[in-house]
Protein backbone atom coordinates (compact mmCIF):
# COMPACT_ATOMS: atom_id res chain seq x y z
CA UNK A 1 0.00 0.00 0.00
CA UNK A 2 2.99 2.33 0.28
CA UNK A 3 2.75 2.88 -3.47
CA UNK A 4 -0.68 4.51 -2.98
CA UNK A 5 0.71 7.36 -0.85
CA UNK A 6 1.09 10.62 -2.74
CA UNK A 7 4.10 12.79 -1.98
CA UNK A 8 2.72 15.92 -0.30
CA UNK A 9 4.86 18.21 -2.51
CA UNK A 10 2.92 17.01 -5.55
CA UNK A 11 -0.36 18.22 -4.05
CA UNK A 12 0.82 21.82 -3.56
CA UNK A 13 1.18 22.79 -7.22
CA UNK A 14 -0.68 21.71 -10.31
CA UNK A 15 0.99 19.10 -12.50
CA UNK A 16 2.81 20.46 -15.52
CA UNK A 17 0.24 21.40 -18.12
CA UNK A 18 -2.59 21.71 -15.57
CA UNK A 19 -4.14 25.12 -14.96
CA UNK A 20 -3.79 26.68 -11.52
CA UNK A 21 -6.31 28.45 -9.32
CA UNK A 22 -5.58 32.16 -9.70
CA UNK A 23 -6.46 34.62 -6.95
CA UNK A 24 -7.45 38.21 -7.74
CA UNK A 25 -6.44 41.11 -5.51
CA UNK A 26 -7.27 44.82 -5.35
CA UNK A 27 -4.82 47.45 -4.15
CA UNK A 28 -6.27 49.72 -1.47
CA UNK A 29 -3.75 52.45 -2.37
CA UNK A 30 -4.64 52.53 -6.08
CA UNK A 31 -8.32 51.78 -6.82
CA UNK A 32 -7.62 50.88 -10.47
CA UNK A 33 -4.79 48.42 -9.74
CA UNK A 34 -5.46 44.69 -9.55
CA UNK A 35 -3.18 41.67 -9.34
CA UNK A 36 -3.29 37.97 -9.97
CA UNK A 37 -1.40 35.66 -7.61
CA UNK A 38 -1.08 31.93 -7.08
CA UNK A 39 -1.80 32.03 -3.34
CA UNK A 40 -4.71 33.39 -1.33
CA UNK A 41 -2.42 35.34 1.00
CA UNK A 42 -0.76 37.22 -1.89
CA UNK A 43 2.61 36.85 -0.20
CA UNK A 44 4.63 37.93 -3.25
CA UNK A 45 2.53 40.96 -4.25
CA UNK A 46 4.46 44.26 -4.46
CA UNK A 47 4.59 45.99 -1.08
CA UNK A 48 4.50 49.50 -2.54
CA UNK A 49 0.83 49.01 -3.49
CA UNK A 50 -0.34 47.38 -0.27
CA UNK A 51 -2.54 46.73 1.47
CA UNK A 52 -3.94 44.18 -0.96
CA UNK A 53 -7.39 42.70 -0.55
CA UNK A 54 -8.47 39.39 -2.10
CA UNK A 55 -11.54 40.04 -4.25
CA UNK A 56 -11.97 36.81 -6.20
CA UNK A 57 -10.51 33.71 -7.75
CA UNK A 58 -10.40 32.04 -11.14
CA UNK A 59 -10.97 28.28 -11.05
CA UNK A 60 -8.60 26.10 -13.08
CA UNK A 61 -11.35 25.38 -15.61
CA UNK A 62 -12.39 29.03 -16.10
CA UNK A 63 -11.04 31.92 -18.17
CA UNK A 64 -9.61 34.96 -16.40
CA UNK A 65 -11.68 38.17 -16.52
CA UNK A 66 -11.34 40.98 -19.04
CA UNK A 67 -10.13 38.66 -21.83
CA UNK A 68 -6.68 38.31 -20.26
CA UNK A 69 -4.57 35.30 -21.22
CA UNK A 70 -4.35 32.52 -18.64
CA UNK A 71 -0.99 31.40 -20.12
CA UNK A 72 0.52 34.89 -19.70
CA UNK A 73 -0.85 35.21 -16.15
CA UNK A 74 0.44 31.77 -15.10
CA UNK A 75 3.86 32.48 -16.63
CA UNK A 76 4.13 35.77 -14.71
CA UNK A 77 3.04 34.09 -11.46
CA UNK A 78 5.64 31.39 -12.04
CA UNK A 79 8.40 33.93 -12.73
CA UNK A 80 7.67 36.69 -10.20
CA UNK A 81 4.76 35.49 -8.07
CA UNK A 82 2.14 37.89 -9.46
CA UNK A 83 0.76 39.68 -12.53
CA UNK A 84 -0.49 43.27 -12.25
CA UNK A 85 -3.25 44.80 -14.37
CA UNK A 86 -5.28 48.00 -14.34
CA UNK A 87 -8.95 48.52 -14.81
CA UNK A 88 -9.66 51.14 -17.43
CA UNK A 89 -11.16 54.35 -16.16
CA UNK A 90 -14.80 54.74 -17.12
CA UNK A 91 -15.30 57.99 -18.96
PDB file of N, CA and C in Angstrom:
ATOM      1  N   UNK A   1       0.799  -1.191   0.000  1.00  0.00           N
ATOM      2  CA  UNK A   1       0.000   0.000   0.000  1.00  0.00           C
ATOM      3  C   UNK A   1       0.848   1.263   0.000  1.00  0.00           C
ATOM      4  N   UNK A   2       2.124   1.161   0.263  1.00  0.00           N
ATOM      5  CA  UNK A   2       2.987   2.329   0.283  1.00  0.00           C
ATOM      6  C   UNK A   2       3.008   3.026  -1.069  1.00  0.00           C
ATOM      7  N   UNK A   3       2.750   2.273  -2.143  1.00  0.00           N
ATOM      8  CA  UNK A   3       2.747   2.883  -3.475  1.00  0.00           C
ATOM      9  C   UNK A   3       1.569   3.826  -3.654  1.00  0.00           C
ATOM     10  N   UNK A   4       0.518   3.688  -2.851  1.00  0.00           N
ATOM     11  CA  UNK A   4      -0.679   4.506  -2.979  1.00  0.00           C
ATOM     12  C   UNK A   4      -0.524   5.881  -2.316  1.00  0.00           C
ATOM     13  N   UNK A   5       0.507   6.084  -1.536  1.00  0.00           N
ATOM     14  CA  UNK A   5       0.707   7.359  -0.851  1.00  0.00           C
ATOM     15  C   UNK A   5       1.256   8.377  -1.840  1.00  0.00           C
ATOM     16  N   UNK A   6       0.654   9.546  -1.849  1.00  0.00           N
ATOM     17  CA  UNK A   6       1.093  10.620  -2.737  1.00  0.00           C
ATOM     18  C   UNK A   6       2.034  11.521  -1.969  1.00  0.00           C
ATOM     19  N   UNK A   7       3.153  11.855  -2.584  1.00  0.00           N
ATOM     20  CA  UNK A   7       4.096  12.789  -1.982  1.00  0.00           C
ATOM     21  C   UNK A   7       3.385  14.125  -1.797  1.00  0.00           C
ATOM     22  N   UNK A   8       3.451  14.694  -0.597  1.00  0.00           N
ATOM     23  CA  UNK A   8       2.715  15.918  -0.301  1.00  0.00           C
ATOM     24  C   UNK A   8       3.154  17.086  -1.167  1.00  0.00           C
ATOM     25  N   UNK A   9       4.401  17.124  -1.637  1.00  0.00           N
ATOM     26  CA  UNK A   9       4.858  18.211  -2.506  1.00  0.00           C
ATOM     27  C   UNK A   9       4.093  18.230  -3.816  1.00  0.00           C
ATOM     28  N   UNK A  10       3.659  17.079  -4.292  1.00  0.00           N
ATOM     29  CA  UNK A  10       2.919  17.013  -5.548  1.00  0.00           C
ATOM     30  C   UNK A  10       1.530  17.626  -5.423  1.00  0.00           C
ATOM     31  N   UNK A  11       0.991  17.703  -4.224  1.00  0.00           N
ATOM     32  CA  UNK A  11      -0.355  18.223  -4.052  1.00  0.00           C
ATOM     33  C   UNK A  11      -0.378  19.747  -3.925  1.00  0.00           C
ATOM     34  N   UNK A  12       0.772  20.388  -3.761  1.00  0.00           N
ATOM     35  CA  UNK A  12       0.815  21.825  -3.558  1.00  0.00           C
ATOM     36  C   UNK A  12       0.724  22.615  -4.855  1.00  0.00           C
ATOM     37  N   UNK A  13       1.184  22.074  -5.941  1.00  0.00           N
ATOM     38  CA  UNK A  13       1.183  22.788  -7.218  1.00  0.00           C
ATOM     39  C   UNK A  13       0.538  21.903  -8.268  1.00  0.00           C
ATOM     40  N   UNK A  14      -0.089  22.520  -9.258  1.00  0.00           N
ATOM     41  CA  UNK A  14      -0.680  21.708 -10.315  1.00  0.00           C
ATOM     42  C   UNK A  14       0.402  20.989 -11.116  1.00  0.00           C
ATOM     43  N   UNK A  15       0.053  19.836 -11.653  1.00  0.00           N
ATOM     44  CA  UNK A  15       0.986  19.096 -12.500  1.00  0.00           C
ATOM     45  C   UNK A  15       1.275  19.924 -13.741  1.00  0.00           C
ATOM     46  N   UNK A  16       2.421  19.704 -14.321  1.00  0.00           N
ATOM     47  CA  UNK A  16       2.807  20.456 -15.519  1.00  0.00           C
ATOM     48  C   UNK A  16       1.716  20.312 -16.574  1.00  0.00           C
ATOM     49  N   UNK A  17       1.288  21.418 -17.115  1.00  0.00           N
ATOM     50  CA  UNK A  17       0.239  21.402 -18.116  1.00  0.00           C
ATOM     51  C   UNK A  17      -1.153  21.620 -17.539  1.00  0.00           C
ATOM     52  N   UNK A  18      -1.307  21.466 -16.215  1.00  0.00           N
ATOM     53  CA  UNK A  18      -2.593  21.711 -15.575  1.00  0.00           C
ATOM     54  C   UNK A  18      -2.713  23.183 -15.224  1.00  0.00           C
ATOM     55  N   UNK A  19      -3.911  23.721 -15.324  1.00  0.00           N
ATOM     56  CA  UNK A  19      -4.144  25.117 -14.962  1.00  0.00           C
ATOM     57  C   UNK A  19      -4.186  25.257 -13.442  1.00  0.00           C
ATOM     58  N   UNK A  20      -3.794  26.414 -12.963  1.00  0.00           N
ATOM     59  CA  UNK A  20      -3.789  26.683 -11.524  1.00  0.00           C
ATOM     60  C   UNK A  20      -5.004  27.518 -11.135  1.00  0.00           C
ATOM     61  N   UNK A  21      -5.328  27.512  -9.854  1.00  0.00           N
ATOM     62  CA  UNK A  21      -6.314  28.450  -9.320  1.00  0.00           C
ATOM     63  C   UNK A  21      -5.588  29.785  -9.181  1.00  0.00           C
ATOM     64  N   UNK A  22      -6.182  30.834  -9.713  1.00  0.00           N
ATOM     65  CA  UNK A  22      -5.584  32.164  -9.703  1.00  0.00           C
ATOM     66  C   UNK A  22      -6.427  33.054  -8.791  1.00  0.00           C
ATOM     67  N   UNK A  23      -5.775  33.728  -7.869  1.00  0.00           N
ATOM     68  CA  UNK A  23      -6.457  34.620  -6.948  1.00  0.00           C
ATOM     69  C   UNK A  23      -6.327  36.059  -7.434  1.00  0.00           C
ATOM     70  N   UNK A  24      -7.406  36.828  -7.278  1.00  0.00           N
ATOM     71  CA  UNK A  24      -7.447  38.211  -7.743  1.00  0.00           C
ATOM     72  C   UNK A  24      -7.434  39.128  -6.519  1.00  0.00           C
ATOM     73  N   UNK A  25      -6.597  40.158  -6.600  1.00  0.00           N
ATOM     74  CA  UNK A  25      -6.444  41.110  -5.505  1.00  0.00           C
ATOM     75  C   UNK A  25      -6.679  42.526  -6.000  1.00  0.00           C
ATOM     76  N   UNK A  26      -7.086  43.391  -5.079  1.00  0.00           N
ATOM     77  CA  UNK A  26      -7.271  44.816  -5.346  1.00  0.00           C
ATOM     78  C   UNK A  26      -6.356  45.587  -4.412  1.00  0.00           C
ATOM     79  N   UNK A  27      -5.672  46.581  -4.963  1.00  0.00           N
ATOM     80  CA  UNK A  27      -4.821  47.446  -4.150  1.00  0.00           C
ATOM     81  C   UNK A  27      -5.693  48.503  -3.478  1.00  0.00           C
ATOM     82  N   UNK A  28      -5.527  48.670  -2.169  1.00  0.00           N
ATOM     83  CA  UNK A  28      -6.272  49.716  -1.474  1.00  0.00           C
ATOM     84  C   UNK A  28      -5.647  51.100  -1.690  1.00  0.00           C
ATOM     85  N   UNK A  29      -4.388  51.162  -2.122  1.00  0.00           N
ATOM     86  CA  UNK A  29      -3.746  52.453  -2.371  1.00  0.00           C
ATOM     87  C   UNK A  29      -4.043  52.998  -3.767  1.00  0.00           C
ATOM     88  N   UNK A  30      -4.333  52.119  -4.709  1.00  0.00           N
ATOM     89  CA  UNK A  30      -4.642  52.530  -6.077  1.00  0.00           C
ATOM     90  C   UNK A  30      -5.906  51.793  -6.516  1.00  0.00           C
ATOM     91  N   UNK A  31      -7.049  52.457  -6.544  1.00  0.00           N
ATOM     92  CA  UNK A  31      -8.317  51.782  -6.822  1.00  0.00           C
ATOM     93  C   UNK A  31      -8.432  51.139  -8.206  1.00  0.00           C
ATOM     94  N   UNK A  32      -7.556  51.499  -9.145  1.00  0.00           N
ATOM     95  CA  UNK A  32      -7.618  50.885 -10.473  1.00  0.00           C
ATOM     96  C   UNK A  32      -6.672  49.695 -10.617  1.00  0.00           C
ATOM     97  N   UNK A  33      -5.816  49.466  -9.629  1.00  0.00           N
ATOM     98  CA  UNK A  33      -4.794  48.422  -9.740  1.00  0.00           C
ATOM     99  C   UNK A  33      -5.294  47.100  -9.173  1.00  0.00           C
ATOM    100  N   UNK A  34      -5.114  46.052  -9.953  1.00  0.00           N
ATOM    101  CA  UNK A  34      -5.464  44.693  -9.550  1.00  0.00           C
ATOM    102  C   UNK A  34      -4.238  43.807  -9.753  1.00  0.00           C
ATOM    103  N   UNK A  35      -4.286  42.624  -9.179  1.00  0.00           N
ATOM    104  CA  UNK A  35      -3.183  41.673  -9.344  1.00  0.00           C
ATOM    105  C   UNK A  35      -3.727  40.266  -9.323  1.00  0.00           C
ATOM    106  N   UNK A  36      -3.043  39.400 -10.039  1.00  0.00           N
ATOM    107  CA  UNK A  36      -3.288  37.969  -9.969  1.00  0.00           C
ATOM    108  C   UNK A  36      -2.139  37.361  -9.181  1.00  0.00           C
ATOM    109  N   UNK A  37      -2.435  36.373  -8.353  1.00  0.00           N
ATOM    110  CA  UNK A  37      -1.398  35.662  -7.605  1.00  0.00           C
ATOM    111  C   UNK A  37      -1.800  34.200  -7.498  1.00  0.00           C
ATOM    112  N   UNK A  38      -0.829  33.364  -7.187  1.00  0.00           N
ATOM    113  CA  UNK A  38      -1.077  31.934  -7.085  1.00  0.00           C
ATOM    114  C   UNK A  38      -1.428  31.471  -5.683  1.00  0.00           C
ATOM    115  N   UNK A  39      -1.459  32.408  -4.711  1.00  0.00           N
ATOM    116  CA  UNK A  39      -1.799  32.033  -3.338  1.00  0.00           C
ATOM    117  C   UNK A  39      -2.790  33.031  -2.762  1.00  0.00           C
ATOM    118  N   UNK A  40      -3.657  32.560  -1.908  1.00  0.00           N
ATOM    119  CA  UNK A  40      -4.711  33.393  -1.333  1.00  0.00           C
ATOM    120  C   UNK A  40      -4.158  34.507  -0.458  1.00  0.00           C
ATOM    121  N   UNK A  41      -3.010  34.310   0.134  1.00  0.00           N
ATOM    122  CA  UNK A  41      -2.422  35.339   0.998  1.00  0.00           C
ATOM    123  C   UNK A  41      -1.750  36.454   0.189  1.00  0.00           C
ATOM    124  N   UNK A  42      -1.425  36.206  -1.074  1.00  0.00           N
ATOM    125  CA  UNK A  42      -0.759  37.217  -1.894  1.00  0.00           C
ATOM    126  C   UNK A  42       0.610  37.587  -1.351  1.00  0.00           C
ATOM    127  N   UNK A  43       1.336  36.616  -0.884  1.00  0.00           N
ATOM    128  CA  UNK A  43       2.608  36.854  -0.198  1.00  0.00           C
ATOM    129  C   UNK A  43       3.662  37.536  -1.068  1.00  0.00           C
ATOM    130  N   UNK A  44       3.594  37.361  -2.379  1.00  0.00           N
ATOM    131  CA  UNK A  44       4.627  37.934  -3.247  1.00  0.00           C
ATOM    132  C   UNK A  44       4.166  39.200  -3.976  1.00  0.00           C
ATOM    133  N   UNK A  45       3.008  39.733  -3.610  1.00  0.00           N
ATOM    134  CA  UNK A  45       2.533  40.959  -4.250  1.00  0.00           C
ATOM    135  C   UNK A  45       3.428  42.135  -3.863  1.00  0.00           C
ATOM    136  N   UNK A  46       3.578  43.126  -4.746  1.00  0.00           N
ATOM    137  CA  UNK A  46       4.459  44.264  -4.463  1.00  0.00           C
ATOM    138  C   UNK A  46       3.994  45.057  -3.233  1.00  0.00           C
ATOM    139  N   UNK A  47       4.924  45.308  -2.330  1.00  0.00           N
ATOM    140  CA  UNK A  47       4.587  45.995  -1.085  1.00  0.00           C
ATOM    141  C   UNK A  47       4.250  47.470  -1.295  1.00  0.00           C
ATOM    142  N   UNK A  48       4.749  48.073  -2.358  1.00  0.00           N
ATOM    143  CA  UNK A  48       4.498  49.502  -2.540  1.00  0.00           C
ATOM    144  C   UNK A  48       3.035  49.811  -2.857  1.00  0.00           C
ATOM    145  N   UNK A  49       2.244  48.801  -3.201  1.00  0.00           N
ATOM    146  CA  UNK A  49       0.830  49.013  -3.490  1.00  0.00           C
ATOM    147  C   UNK A  49      -0.080  48.418  -2.417  1.00  0.00           C
ATOM    148  N   UNK A  50       0.491  47.987  -1.291  1.00  0.00           N
ATOM    149  CA  UNK A  50      -0.339  47.376  -0.267  1.00  0.00           C
ATOM    150  C   UNK A  50      -1.018  48.427   0.597  1.00  0.00           C
ATOM    151  N   UNK A  51      -2.048  48.090   1.262  1.00  0.00           N
ATOM    152  CA  UNK A  51      -2.544  46.734   1.471  1.00  0.00           C
ATOM    153  C   UNK A  51      -3.310  46.208   0.258  1.00  0.00           C
ATOM    154  N   UNK A  52      -3.221  44.897   0.083  1.00  0.00           N
ATOM    155  CA  UNK A  52      -3.937  44.179  -0.958  1.00  0.00           C
ATOM    156  C   UNK A  52      -5.121  43.463  -0.312  1.00  0.00           C
ATOM    157  N   UNK A  53      -6.204  43.394  -1.045  1.00  0.00           N
ATOM    158  CA  UNK A  53      -7.391  42.699  -0.554  1.00  0.00           C
ATOM    159  C   UNK A  53      -7.829  41.680  -1.603  1.00  0.00           C
ATOM    160  N   UNK A  54      -7.998  40.427  -1.188  1.00  0.00           N
ATOM    161  CA  UNK A  54      -8.473  39.387  -2.102  1.00  0.00           C
ATOM    162  C   UNK A  54      -9.923  39.699  -2.478  1.00  0.00           C
ATOM    163  N   UNK A  55     -10.194  39.701  -3.787  1.00  0.00           N
ATOM    164  CA  UNK A  55     -11.544  40.035  -4.251  1.00  0.00           C
ATOM    165  C   UNK A  55     -12.164  38.946  -5.122  1.00  0.00           C
ATOM    166  N   UNK A  56     -11.410  37.878  -5.378  1.00  0.00           N
ATOM    167  CA  UNK A  56     -11.966  36.812  -6.197  1.00  0.00           C
ATOM    168  C   UNK A  56     -10.936  35.768  -6.540  1.00  0.00           C
ATOM    169  N   UNK A  57     -11.389  34.792  -7.301  1.00  0.00           N
ATOM    170  CA  UNK A  57     -10.510  33.715  -7.747  1.00  0.00           C
ATOM    171  C   UNK A  57     -11.004  33.208  -9.095  1.00  0.00           C
ATOM    172  N   UNK A  58     -10.076  32.637  -9.850  1.00  0.00           N
ATOM    173  CA  UNK A  58     -10.398  32.040 -11.140  1.00  0.00           C
ATOM    174  C   UNK A  58     -10.102  30.548 -11.015  1.00  0.00           C
ATOM    175  N   UNK A  59     -11.129  29.731 -11.138  1.00  0.00           N
ATOM    176  CA  UNK A  59     -10.967  28.283 -11.047  1.00  0.00           C
ATOM    177  C   UNK A  59     -10.118  27.776 -12.209  1.00  0.00           C
ATOM    178  N   UNK A  60      -9.459  26.639 -12.019  1.00  0.00           N
ATOM    179  CA  UNK A  60      -8.598  26.102 -13.081  1.00  0.00           C
ATOM    180  C   UNK A  60      -9.309  25.870 -14.417  1.00  0.00           C
ATOM    181  N   UNK A  61     -10.616  25.652 -14.374  1.00  0.00           N
ATOM    182  CA  UNK A  61     -11.351  25.379 -15.614  1.00  0.00           C
ATOM    183  C   UNK A  61     -12.074  26.605 -16.169  1.00  0.00           C
ATOM    184  N   UNK A  62     -11.747  27.785 -15.660  1.00  0.00           N
ATOM    185  CA  UNK A  62     -12.391  29.027 -16.104  1.00  0.00           C
ATOM    186  C   UNK A  62     -11.383  29.985 -16.734  1.00  0.00           C
ATOM    187  N   UNK A  63     -11.885  30.890 -17.570  1.00  0.00           N
ATOM    188  CA  UNK A  63     -11.036  31.919 -18.173  1.00  0.00           C
ATOM    189  C   UNK A  63     -10.919  33.108 -17.230  1.00  0.00           C
ATOM    190  N   UNK A  64      -9.764  33.752 -17.210  1.00  0.00           N
ATOM    191  CA  UNK A  64      -9.606  34.963 -16.402  1.00  0.00           C
ATOM    192  C   UNK A  64     -10.519  36.081 -16.925  1.00  0.00           C
ATOM    193  N   UNK A  65     -10.806  37.065 -16.081  1.00  0.00           N
ATOM    194  CA  UNK A  65     -11.676  38.166 -16.517  1.00  0.00           C
ATOM    195  C   UNK A  65     -10.991  39.084 -17.520  1.00  0.00           C
ATOM    196  N   UNK A  66     -11.799  39.905 -18.152  1.00  0.00           N
ATOM    197  CA  UNK A  66     -11.339  40.983 -19.042  1.00  0.00           C
ATOM    198  C   UNK A  66     -10.587  40.470 -20.267  1.00  0.00           C
ATOM    199  N   UNK A  67     -10.782  39.207 -20.641  1.00  0.00           N
ATOM    200  CA  UNK A  67     -10.134  38.659 -21.826  1.00  0.00           C
ATOM    201  C   UNK A  67      -8.636  38.478 -21.698  1.00  0.00           C
ATOM    202  N   UNK A  68      -8.120  38.475 -20.470  1.00  0.00           N
ATOM    203  CA  UNK A  68      -6.679  38.309 -20.259  1.00  0.00           C
ATOM    204  C   UNK A  68      -6.279  36.850 -20.456  1.00  0.00           C
ATOM    205  N   UNK A  69      -5.065  36.639 -20.896  1.00  0.00           N
ATOM    206  CA  UNK A  69      -4.567  35.304 -21.224  1.00  0.00           C
ATOM    207  C   UNK A  69      -4.137  34.541 -19.969  1.00  0.00           C
ATOM    208  N   UNK A  70      -4.730  33.368 -19.763  1.00  0.00           N
ATOM    209  CA  UNK A  70      -4.346  32.517 -18.639  1.00  0.00           C
ATOM    210  C   UNK A  70      -2.877  32.121 -18.749  1.00  0.00           C
ATOM    211  N   UNK A  71      -2.395  31.814 -19.948  1.00  0.00           N
ATOM    212  CA  UNK A  71      -0.995  31.404 -20.118  1.00  0.00           C
ATOM    213  C   UNK A  71      -0.034  32.516 -19.696  1.00  0.00           C
ATOM    214  N   UNK A  72      -0.334  33.749 -20.071  1.00  0.00           N
ATOM    215  CA  UNK A  72       0.515  34.885 -19.702  1.00  0.00           C
ATOM    216  C   UNK A  72       0.479  35.098 -18.192  1.00  0.00           C
ATOM    217  N   UNK A  73      -0.708  35.024 -17.601  1.00  0.00           N
ATOM    218  CA  UNK A  73      -0.850  35.206 -16.153  1.00  0.00           C
ATOM    219  C   UNK A  73      -0.078  34.127 -15.402  1.00  0.00           C
ATOM    220  N   UNK A  74      -0.250  32.869 -15.786  1.00  0.00           N
ATOM    221  CA  UNK A  74       0.440  31.769 -15.100  1.00  0.00           C
ATOM    222  C   UNK A  74       1.951  31.874 -15.259  1.00  0.00           C
ATOM    223  N   UNK A  75       2.420  32.311 -16.429  1.00  0.00           N
ATOM    224  CA  UNK A  75       3.863  32.478 -16.633  1.00  0.00           C
ATOM    225  C   UNK A  75       4.413  33.573 -15.713  1.00  0.00           C
ATOM    226  N   UNK A  76       3.690  34.683 -15.588  1.00  0.00           N
ATOM    227  CA  UNK A  76       4.133  35.771 -14.709  1.00  0.00           C
ATOM    228  C   UNK A  76       4.129  35.327 -13.251  1.00  0.00           C
ATOM    229  N   UNK A  77       3.100  34.598 -12.836  1.00  0.00           N
ATOM    230  CA  UNK A  77       3.043  34.093 -11.463  1.00  0.00           C
ATOM    231  C   UNK A  77       4.205  33.142 -11.210  1.00  0.00           C
ATOM    232  N   UNK A  78       4.513  32.301 -12.179  1.00  0.00           N
ATOM    233  CA  UNK A  78       5.639  31.386 -12.036  1.00  0.00           C
ATOM    234  C   UNK A  78       6.977  32.106 -11.945  1.00  0.00           C
ATOM    235  N   UNK A  79       7.123  33.200 -12.684  1.00  0.00           N
ATOM    236  CA  UNK A  79       8.398  33.930 -12.729  1.00  0.00           C
ATOM    237  C   UNK A  79       8.580  34.899 -11.562  1.00  0.00           C
ATOM    238  N   UNK A  80       7.511  35.652 -11.218  1.00  0.00           N
ATOM    239  CA  UNK A  80       7.673  36.687 -10.197  1.00  0.00           C
ATOM    240  C   UNK A  80       6.665  36.602  -9.060  1.00  0.00           C
ATOM    241  N   UNK A  81       5.724  35.676  -9.160  1.00  0.00           N
ATOM    242  CA  UNK A  81       4.763  35.492  -8.074  1.00  0.00           C
ATOM    243  C   UNK A  81       3.469  36.260  -8.227  1.00  0.00           C
ATOM    244  N   UNK A  82       3.357  37.102  -9.259  1.00  0.00           N
ATOM    245  CA  UNK A  82       2.141  37.888  -9.463  1.00  0.00           C
ATOM    246  C   UNK A  82       2.113  38.438 -10.884  1.00  0.00           C
ATOM    247  N   UNK A  83       0.947  38.957 -11.267  1.00  0.00           N
ATOM    248  CA  UNK A  83       0.760  39.683 -12.527  1.00  0.00           C
ATOM    249  C   UNK A  83      -0.141  40.862 -12.215  1.00  0.00           C
ATOM    250  N   UNK A  84       0.310  42.068 -12.476  1.00  0.00           N
ATOM    251  CA  UNK A  84      -0.489  43.272 -12.247  1.00  0.00           C
ATOM    252  C   UNK A  84      -1.316  43.601 -13.481  1.00  0.00           C
ATOM    253  N   UNK A  85      -2.474  44.233 -13.263  1.00  0.00           N
ATOM    254  CA  UNK A  85      -3.251  44.795 -14.365  1.00  0.00           C
ATOM    255  C   UNK A  85      -4.078  45.951 -13.826  1.00  0.00           C
ATOM    256  N   UNK A  86      -4.470  46.847 -14.726  1.00  0.00           N
ATOM    257  CA  UNK A  86      -5.275  47.999 -14.338  1.00  0.00           C
ATOM    258  C   UNK A  86      -6.646  47.913 -14.988  1.00  0.00           C
ATOM    259  N   UNK A  87      -7.620  48.365 -14.235  1.00  0.00           N
ATOM    260  CA  UNK A  87      -8.954  48.524 -14.810  1.00  0.00           C
ATOM    261  C   UNK A  87      -8.966  49.855 -15.546  1.00  0.00           C
ATOM    262  N   UNK A  88      -9.603  49.878 -16.691  1.00  0.00           N
ATOM    263  CA  UNK A  88      -9.665  51.141 -17.425  1.00  0.00           C
ATOM    264  C   UNK A  88     -10.626  52.084 -16.706  1.00  0.00           C
ATOM    265  N   UNK A  89     -10.302  53.349 -16.786  1.00  0.00           N
ATOM    266  CA  UNK A  89     -11.157  54.347 -16.164  1.00  0.00           C
ATOM    267  C   UNK A  89     -12.388  54.555 -17.006  1.00  0.00           C
ATOM    268  N   UNK A  90     -13.551  54.523 -16.383  1.00  0.00           N
ATOM    269  CA  UNK A  90     -14.796  54.739 -17.121  1.00  0.00           C
ATOM    270  C   UNK A  90     -14.963  56.231 -17.355  1.00  0.00           C
ATOM    271  N   UNK A  91     -15.246  56.577 -18.607  1.00  0.00           N
ATOM    272  CA  UNK A  91     -15.301  57.987 -18.963  1.00  0.00           C
ATOM    273  C   UNK A  91     -16.657  58.530 -18.850  1.00  0.00           C
TER     274      UNK A  91
END
